Amino acid sequence: MSDRIIRASEIGQYDFCAKAWWLHSVEGLPSANVREMQIGQAAHERHGRQVSRAALLQQGAVLLLIAGVILLAIFLLSNGL
């Protein structure tokens, strides 16, 4: 029995095409679609950076909203409202 770890992406590859999974994982043959896979990987990396940037912008927006509420409260309290 092998201690080999099977990753979720590998299960997805097997589900998509069991023969392609077998040829790559068991037989060790490289994919015939190397260029397409590189293009896809680059697209996923770009998307990941965009998602990270969006999360940072969202956190910044929340901080600005909190700061605005605090400043409004200070303004109202200082003017006796």
PDB file of N, CA and C in Angstrom:
ATOM      1  N   MET A   1       0.838  -1.176   0.000  1.00  0.00           N
ATOM      2  CA  MET A   1       0.000   0.000   0.000  1.00  0.00           C
ATOM      3  C   MET A   1       0.885   1.242   0.000  1.00  0.00           C
ATOM      4  N   SER A   2       0.504   2.242  -0.741  1.00  0.00           N
ATOM      5  CA  SER A   2       1.296   3.452  -0.914  1.00  0.00           C
ATOM      6  C   SER A   2       0.846   4.546   0.058  1.00  0.00           C
ATOM      7  N   ASP A   3       1.800   5.386   0.452  1.00  0.00           N
ATOM      8  CA  ASP A   3       1.487   6.539   1.301  1.00  0.00           C
ATOM      9  C   ASP A   3       1.261   7.784   0.469  1.00  0.00           C
ATOM     10  N   ARG A   4       1.010   7.599  -0.804  1.00  0.00           N
ATOM     11  CA  ARG A   4       0.832   8.707  -1.732  1.00  0.00           C
ATOM     12  C   ARG A   4      -0.412   9.512  -1.358  1.00  0.00           C
ATOM     13  N   ILE A   5      -0.280  10.843  -1.372  1.00  0.00           N
ATOM     14  CA  ILE A   5      -1.393  11.728  -1.059  1.00  0.00           C
ATOM     15  C   ILE A   5      -2.132  12.064  -2.354  1.00  0.00           C
ATOM     16  N   ILE A   6      -3.434  11.898  -2.321  1.00  0.00           N
ATOM     17  CA  ILE A   6      -4.262  12.239  -3.473  1.00  0.00           C
ATOM     18  C   ILE A   6      -4.919  13.579  -3.180  1.00  0.00           C
ATOM     19  N   ARG A   7      -4.668  14.556  -4.024  1.00  0.00           N
ATOM     20  CA  ARG A   7      -5.181  15.910  -3.834  1.00  0.00           C
ATOM     21  C   ARG A   7      -6.558  16.052  -4.499  1.00  0.00           C
ATOM     22  N   ALA A   8      -7.298  17.060  -4.044  1.00  0.00           N
ATOM     23  CA  ALA A   8      -8.643  17.300  -4.585  1.00  0.00           C
ATOM     24  C   ALA A   8      -8.576  17.568  -6.088  1.00  0.00           C
ATOM     25  N   SER A   9      -7.550  18.289  -6.525  1.00  0.00           N
ATOM     26  CA  SER A   9      -7.437  18.580  -7.960  1.00  0.00           C
ATOM     27  C   SER A   9      -7.239  17.294  -8.754  1.00  0.00           C
ATOM     28  N   GLU A  10      -6.564  16.336  -8.143  1.00  0.00           N
ATOM     29  CA  GLU A  10      -6.345  15.060  -8.818  1.00  0.00           C
ATOM     30  C   GLU A  10      -7.662  14.277  -8.934  1.00  0.00           C
ATOM     31  N   ILE A  11      -8.491  14.379  -7.924  1.00  0.00           N
ATOM     32  CA  ILE A  11      -9.806  13.734  -7.986  1.00  0.00           C
ATOM     33  C   ILE A  11     -10.635  14.379  -9.096  1.00  0.00           C
ATOM     34  N   GLY A  12     -10.540  15.710  -9.191  1.00  0.00           N
ATOM     35  CA  GLY A  12     -11.234  16.419 -10.265  1.00  0.00           C
ATOM     36  C   GLY A  12     -10.739  15.993 -11.628  1.00  0.00           C
ATOM     37  N   GLN A  13      -9.429  15.808 -11.753  1.00  0.00           N
ATOM     38  CA  GLN A  13      -8.856  15.362 -13.024  1.00  0.00           C
ATOM     39  C   GLN A  13      -9.355  13.957 -13.354  1.00  0.00           C
ATOM     40  N   TYR A  14      -9.380  13.078 -12.351  1.00  0.00           N
ATOM     41  CA  TYR A  14      -9.862  11.718 -12.565  1.00  0.00           C
ATOM     42  C   TYR A  14     -11.331  11.734 -12.978  1.00  0.00           C
ATOM     43  N   ASP A  15     -12.130  12.566 -12.293  1.00  0.00           N
ATOM     44  CA  ASP A  15     -13.554  12.648 -12.606  1.00  0.00           C
ATOM     45  C   ASP A  15     -13.773  13.153 -14.032  1.00  0.00           C
ATOM     46  N   PHE A  16     -12.934  14.114 -14.458  1.00  0.00           N
ATOM     47  CA  PHE A  16     -13.069  14.666 -15.803  1.00  0.00           C
ATOM     48  C   PHE A  16     -12.664  13.647 -16.859  1.00  0.00           C
ATOM     49  N   CYS A  17     -11.509  12.962 -16.637  1.00  0.00           N
ATOM     50  CA  CYS A  17     -11.038  11.976 -17.609  1.00  0.00           C
ATOM     51  C   CYS A  17     -10.121  10.981 -16.904  1.00  0.00           C
ATOM     52  N   ALA A  18     -10.686   9.829 -16.596  1.00  0.00           N
ATOM     53  CA  ALA A  18      -9.932   8.810 -15.864  1.00  0.00           C
ATOM     54  C   ALA A  18      -8.698   8.357 -16.643  1.00  0.00           C
ATOM     55  N   LYS A  19      -8.804   8.276 -17.959  1.00  0.00           N
ATOM     56  CA  LYS A  19      -7.665   7.832 -18.756  1.00  0.00           C
ATOM     57  C   LYS A  19      -6.519   8.843 -18.693  1.00  0.00           C
ATOM     58  N   ALA A  20      -6.852  10.154 -18.773  1.00  0.00           N
ATOM     59  CA  ALA A  20      -5.816  11.182 -18.681  1.00  0.00           C
ATOM     60  C   ALA A  20      -5.154  11.129 -17.306  1.00  0.00           C
ATOM     61  N   TRP A  21      -5.946  10.914 -16.270  1.00  0.00           N
ATOM     62  CA  TRP A  21      -5.383  10.785 -14.926  1.00  0.00           C
ATOM     63  C   TRP A  21      -4.427   9.596 -14.874  1.00  0.00           C
ATOM     64  N   TRP A  22      -4.845   8.463 -15.394  1.00  0.00           N
ATOM     65  CA  TRP A  22      -4.015   7.257 -15.394  1.00  0.00           C
ATOM     66  C   TRP A  22      -2.708   7.498 -16.148  1.00  0.00           C
ATOM     67  N   LEU A  23      -2.801   8.076 -17.335  1.00  0.00           N
ATOM     68  CA  LEU A  23      -1.595   8.308 -18.138  1.00  0.00           C
ATOM     69  C   LEU A  23      -0.611   9.221 -17.415  1.00  0.00           C
ATOM     70  N   HIS A  24      -1.117  10.226 -16.729  1.00  0.00           N
ATOM     71  CA  HIS A  24      -0.230  11.164 -16.045  1.00  0.00           C
ATOM     72  C   HIS A  24       0.251  10.608 -14.701  1.00  0.00           C
ATOM     73  N   SER A  25      -0.679  10.157 -13.858  1.00  0.00           N
ATOM     74  CA  SER A  25      -0.343   9.775 -12.489  1.00  0.00           C
ATOM     75  C   SER A  25       0.316   8.408 -12.371  1.00  0.00           C
ATOM     76  N   VAL A  26      -0.104   7.459 -13.182  1.00  0.00           N
ATOM     77  CA  VAL A  26       0.420   6.099 -13.066  1.00  0.00           C
ATOM     78  C   VAL A  26       1.536   5.847 -14.080  1.00  0.00           C
ATOM     79  N   GLU A  27       1.285   6.227 -15.330  1.00  0.00           N
ATOM     80  CA  GLU A  27       2.272   5.982 -16.381  1.00  0.00           C
ATOM     81  C   GLU A  27       3.355   7.066 -16.438  1.00  0.00           C
ATOM     82  N   GLY A  28       3.084   8.220 -15.850  1.00  0.00           N
ATOM     83  CA  GLY A  28       4.068   9.299 -15.827  1.00  0.00           C
ATOM     84  C   GLY A  28       4.249  10.032 -17.148  1.00  0.00           C
ATOM     85  N   LEU A  29       3.266   9.912 -18.033  1.00  0.00           N
ATOM     86  CA  LEU A  29       3.364  10.585 -19.327  1.00  0.00           C
ATOM     87  C   LEU A  29       2.932  12.049 -19.196  1.00  0.00           C
ATOM     88  N   PRO A  30       3.641  12.956 -19.842  1.00  0.00           N
ATOM     89  CA  PRO A  30       3.250  14.370 -19.769  1.00  0.00           C
ATOM     90  C   PRO A  30       2.001  14.619 -20.611  1.00  0.00           C
ATOM     91  N   SER A  31       1.289  15.669 -20.265  1.00  0.00           N
ATOM     92  CA  SER A  31       0.089  16.041 -21.008  1.00  0.00           C
ATOM     93  C   SER A  31       0.472  16.566 -22.386  1.00  0.00           C
ATOM     94  N   ALA A  32      -0.396  16.335 -23.340  1.00  0.00           N
ATOM     95  CA  ALA A  32      -0.186  16.881 -24.686  1.00  0.00           C
ATOM     96  C   ALA A  32      -0.630  18.337 -24.748  1.00  0.00           C
ATOM     97  N   ASN A  33      -1.251  18.828 -23.683  1.00  0.00           N
ATOM     98  CA  ASN A  33      -1.798  20.182 -23.661  1.00  0.00           C
ATOM     99  C   ASN A  33      -1.021  21.086 -22.707  1.00  0.00           C
ATOM    100  N   VAL A  34       0.293  20.998 -22.743  1.00  0.00           N
ATOM    101  CA  VAL A  34       1.117  21.755 -21.801  1.00  0.00           C
ATOM    102  C   VAL A  34       0.881  23.253 -21.957  1.00  0.00           C
ATOM    103  N   ARG A  35       0.857  23.739 -23.177  1.00  0.00           N
ATOM    104  CA  ARG A  35       0.667  25.180 -23.399  1.00  0.00           C
ATOM    105  C   ARG A  35      -0.678  25.647 -22.856  1.00  0.00           C
ATOM    106  N   GLU A  36      -1.736  24.907 -23.124  1.00  0.00           N
ATOM    107  CA  GLU A  36      -3.058  25.277 -22.640  1.00  0.00           C
ATOM    108  C   GLU A  36      -3.096  25.263 -21.112  1.00  0.00           C
ATOM    109  N   MET A  37      -2.427  24.284 -20.502  1.00  0.00           N
ATOM    110  CA  MET A  37      -2.396  24.211 -19.041  1.00  0.00           C
ATOM    111  C   MET A  37      -1.618  25.394 -18.458  1.00  0.00           C
ATOM    112  N   GLN A  38      -0.549  25.808 -19.107  1.00  0.00           N
ATOM    113  CA  GLN A  38       0.208  26.977 -18.649  1.00  0.00           C
ATOM    114  C   GLN A  38      -0.644  28.237 -18.750  1.00  0.00           C
ATOM    115  N   ILE A  39      -1.388  28.370 -19.842  1.00  0.00           N
ATOM    116  CA  ILE A  39      -2.279  29.522 -20.008  1.00  0.00           C
ATOM    117  C   ILE A  39      -3.349  29.512 -18.918  1.00  0.00           C
ATOM    118  N   GLY A  40      -3.911  28.347 -18.641  1.00  0.00           N
ATOM    119  CA  GLY A  40      -4.921  28.221 -17.592  1.00  0.00           C
ATOM    120  C   GLY A  40      -4.361  28.531 -16.218  1.00  0.00           C
ATOM    121  N   GLN A  41      -3.153  28.062 -15.956  1.00  0.00           N
ATOM    122  CA  GLN A  41      -2.530  28.327 -14.662  1.00  0.00           C
ATOM    123  C   GLN A  41      -2.287  29.827 -14.495  1.00  0.00           C
ATOM    124  N   ALA A  42      -1.818  30.484 -15.550  1.00  0.00           N
ATOM    125  CA  ALA A  42      -1.588  31.929 -15.492  1.00  0.00           C
ATOM    126  C   ALA A  42      -2.905  32.670 -15.243  1.00  0.00           C
ATOM    127  N   ALA A  43      -3.973  32.218 -15.881  1.00  0.00           N
ATOM    128  CA  ALA A  43      -5.291  32.850 -15.684  1.00  0.00           C
ATOM    129  C   ALA A  43      -5.755  32.667 -14.243  1.00  0.00           C
ATOM    130  N   HIS A  44      -5.547  31.488 -13.673  1.00  0.00           N
ATOM    131  CA  HIS A  44      -5.935  31.238 -12.284  1.00  0.00           C
ATOM    132  C   HIS A  44      -5.112  32.105 -11.336  1.00  0.00           C
ATOM    133  N   GLU A  45      -3.832  32.277 -11.621  1.00  0.00           N
ATOM    134  CA  GLU A  45      -2.990  33.118 -10.771  1.00  0.00           C
ATOM    135  C   GLU A  45      -3.450  34.570 -10.825  1.00  0.00           C
ATOM    136  N   ARG A  46      -3.795  35.059 -12.022  1.00  0.00           N
ATOM    137  CA  ARG A  46      -4.317  36.427 -12.155  1.00  0.00           C
ATOM    138  C   ARG A  46      -5.615  36.583 -11.362  1.00  0.00           C
ATOM    139  N   HIS A  47      -6.486  35.604 -11.498  1.00  0.00           N
ATOM    140  CA  HIS A  47      -7.757  35.651 -10.782  1.00  0.00           C
ATOM    141  C   HIS A  47      -7.524  35.641  -9.271  1.00  0.00           C
ATOM    142  N   GLY A  48      -6.604  34.829  -8.807  1.00  0.00           N
ATOM    143  CA  GLY A  48      -6.280  34.772  -7.382  1.00  0.00           C
ATOM    144  C   GLY A  48      -5.792  36.116  -6.861  1.00  0.00           C
ATOM    145  N   ARG A  49      -4.948  36.791  -7.655  1.00  0.00           N
ATOM    146  CA  ARG A  49      -4.471  38.123  -7.255  1.00  0.00           C
ATOM    147  C   ARG A  49      -5.638  39.113  -7.200  1.00  0.00           C
ATOM    148  N   GLN A  50      -6.556  39.018  -8.165  1.00  0.00           N
ATOM    149  CA  GLN A  50      -7.716  39.914  -8.165  1.00  0.00           C
ATOM    150  C   GLN A  50      -8.604  39.666  -6.946  1.00  0.00           C
ATOM    151  N   VAL A  51      -8.783  38.416  -6.580  1.00  0.00           N
ATOM    152  CA  VAL A  51      -9.601  38.082  -5.408  1.00  0.00           C
ATOM    153  C   VAL A  51      -8.941  38.625  -4.143  1.00  0.00           C
ATOM    154  N   SER A  52      -7.619  38.476  -4.031  1.00  0.00           N
ATOM    155  CA  SER A  52      -6.899  38.999  -2.865  1.00  0.00           C
ATOM    156  C   SER A  52      -7.012  40.514  -2.793  1.00  0.00           C
ATOM    157  N   ARG A  53      -6.867  41.163  -3.929  1.00  0.00           N
ATOM    158  CA  ARG A  53      -6.978  42.624  -3.984  1.00  0.00           C
ATOM    159  C   ARG A  53      -8.392  43.059  -3.585  1.00  0.00           C
ATOM    160  N   ALA A  54      -9.400  42.365  -4.053  1.00  0.00           N
ATOM    161  CA  ALA A  54     -10.783  42.702  -3.709  1.00  0.00           C
ATOM    162  C   ALA A  54     -11.020  42.542  -2.207  1.00  0.00           C
ATOM    163  N   ALA A  55     -10.454  41.506  -1.607  1.00  0.00           N
ATOM    164  CA  ALA A  55     -10.612  41.294  -0.160  1.00  0.00           C
ATOM    165  C   ALA A  55      -9.955  42.429   0.617  1.00  0.00           C
ATOM    166  N   LEU A  56      -8.782  42.852   0.186  1.00  0.00           N
ATOM    167  CA  LEU A  56      -8.105  43.970   0.851  1.00  0.00           C
ATOM    168  C   LEU A  56      -8.914  45.260   0.712  1.00  0.00           C
ATOM    169  N   LEU A  57      -9.450  45.508  -0.471  1.00  0.00           N
ATOM    170  CA  LEU A  57     -10.275  46.702  -0.671  1.00  0.00           C
ATOM    171  C   LEU A  57     -11.532  46.654   0.191  1.00  0.00           C
ATOM    172  N   GLN A  58     -12.107  45.490   0.338  1.00  0.00           N
ATOM    173  CA  GLN A  58     -13.297  45.351   1.168  1.00  0.00           C
ATOM    174  C   GLN A  58     -12.958  45.634   2.628  1.00  0.00           C
ATOM    175  N   GLN A  59     -11.823  45.130   3.101  1.00  0.00           N
ATOM    176  CA  GLN A  59     -11.404  45.402   4.475  1.00  0.00           C
ATOM    177  C   GLN A  59     -11.151  46.893   4.672  1.00  0.00           C
ATOM    178  N   GLY A  60     -10.528  47.524   3.678  1.00  0.00           N
ATOM    179  CA  GLY A  60     -10.294  48.961   3.748  1.00  0.00           C
ATOM    180  C   GLY A  60     -11.592  49.739   3.808  1.00  0.00           C
ATOM    181  N   ALA A  61     -12.579  49.320   3.032  1.00  0.00           N
ATOM    182  CA  ALA A  61     -13.879  49.983   3.029  1.00  0.00           C
ATOM    183  C   ALA A  61     -14.558  49.867   4.393  1.00  0.00           C
ATOM    184  N   VAL A  62     -14.463  48.718   5.013  1.00  0.00           N
ATOM    185  CA  VAL A  62     -15.057  48.524   6.342  1.00  0.00           C
ATOM    186  C   VAL A  62     -14.369  49.429   7.357  1.00  0.00           C
ATOM    187  N   LEU A  63     -13.043  49.507   7.300  1.00  0.00           N
ATOM    188  CA  LEU A  63     -12.303  50.383   8.215  1.00  0.00           C
ATOM    189  C   LEU A  63     -12.687  51.848   8.015  1.00  0.00           C
ATOM    190  N   LEU A  64     -12.818  52.263   6.757  1.00  0.00           N
ATOM    191  CA  LEU A  64     -13.239  53.641   6.485  1.00  0.00           C
ATOM    192  C   LEU A  64     -14.649  53.910   6.996  1.00  0.00           C
ATOM    193  N   LEU A  65     -15.535  52.949   6.858  1.00  0.00           N
ATOM    194  CA  LEU A  65     -16.901  53.098   7.354  1.00  0.00           C
ATOM    195  C   LEU A  65     -16.898  53.241   8.876  1.00  0.00           C
ATOM    196  N   ILE A  66     -16.121  52.419   9.555  1.00  0.00           N
ATOM    197  CA  ILE A  66     -16.024  52.499  11.015  1.00  0.00           C
ATOM    198  C   ILE A  66     -15.460  53.865  11.433  1.00  0.00           C
ATOM    199  N   ALA A  67     -14.406  54.297  10.738  1.00  0.00           N
ATOM    200  CA  ALA A  67     -13.816  55.603  11.044  1.00  0.00           C
ATOM    201  C   ALA A  67     -14.841  56.717  10.825  1.00  0.00           C
ATOM    202  N   GLY A  68     -15.626  56.629   9.767  1.00  0.00           N
ATOM    203  CA  GLY A  68     -16.654  57.631   9.498  1.00  0.00           C
ATOM    204  C   GLY A  68     -17.706  57.676  10.587  1.00  0.00           C
ATOM    205  N   VAL A  69     -18.135  56.527  11.051  1.00  0.00           N
ATOM    206  CA  VAL A  69     -19.145  56.468  12.117  1.00  0.00           C
ATOM    207  C   VAL A  69     -18.572  57.068  13.395  1.00  0.00           C
ATOM    208  N   ILE A  70     -17.320  56.751  13.711  1.00  0.00           N
ATOM    209  CA  ILE A  70     -16.678  57.298  14.907  1.00  0.00           C
ATOM    210  C   ILE A  70     -16.569  58.817  14.801  1.00  0.00           C
ATOM    211  N   LEU A  71     -16.127  59.314  13.647  1.00  0.00           N
ATOM    212  CA  LEU A  71     -16.014  60.763  13.454  1.00  0.00           C
ATOM    213  C   LEU A  71     -17.375  61.449  13.538  1.00  0.00           C
ATOM    214  N   LEU A  72     -18.405  60.831  12.987  1.00  0.00           N
ATOM    215  CA  LEU A  72     -19.751  61.391  13.076  1.00  0.00           C
ATOM    216  C   LEU A  72     -20.207  61.449  14.528  1.00  0.00           C
ATOM    217  N   ALA A  73     -19.950  60.395  15.277  1.00  0.00           N
ATOM    218  CA  ALA A  73     -20.334  60.372  16.699  1.00  0.00           C
ATOM    219  C   ALA A  73     -19.596  61.459  17.471  1.00  0.00           C
ATOM    220  N   ILE A  74     -18.295  61.629  17.204  1.00  0.00           N
ATOM    221  CA  ILE A  74     -17.518  62.679  17.873  1.00  0.00           C
ATOM    222  C   ILE A  74     -18.081  64.048  17.520  1.00  0.00           C
ATOM    223  N   PHE A  75     -18.381  64.255  16.258  1.00  0.00           N
ATOM    224  CA  PHE A  75     -18.942  65.538  15.813  1.00  0.00           C
ATOM    225  C   PHE A  75     -20.266  65.820  16.509  1.00  0.00           C
ATOM    226  N   LEU A  76     -21.144  64.842  16.537  1.00  0.00           N
ATOM    227  CA  LEU A  76     -22.455  65.043  17.158  1.00  0.00           C
ATOM    228  C   LEU A  76     -22.331  65.290  18.656  1.00  0.00           C
ATOM    229  N   LEU A  77     -21.442  64.553  19.306  1.00  0.00           N
ATOM    230  CA  LEU A  77     -21.266  64.733  20.746  1.00  0.00           C
ATOM    231  C   LEU A  77     -20.628  66.076  21.081  1.00  0.00           C
ATOM    232  N   SER A  78     -19.703  66.525  20.249  1.00  0.00           N
ATOM    233  CA  SER A  78     -19.019  67.795  20.525  1.00  0.00           C
ATOM    234  C   SER A  78     -19.922  69.000  20.267  1.00  0.00           C
ATOM    235  N   ASN A  79     -20.942  68.847  19.445  1.00  0.00           N
ATOM    236  CA  ASN A  79     -21.880  69.942  19.150  1.00  0.00           C
ATOM    237  C   ASN A  79     -23.140  69.847  20.000  1.00  0.00           C
ATOM    238  N   GLY A  80     -23.154  68.929  20.935  1.00  0.00           N
ATOM    239  CA  GLY A  80     -24.268  68.810  21.862  1.00  0.00           C
ATOM    240  C   GLY A  80     -25.548  68.315  21.246  1.00  0.00           C
ATOM    241  N   LEU A  81     -25.463  67.532  20.191  1.00  0.00           N
ATOM    242  CA  LEU A  81     -26.682  67.030  19.546  1.00  0.00           C
ATOM    243  C   LEU A  81     -27.063  65.713  20.098  1.00  0.00           C
TER     244      LEU A  81
END
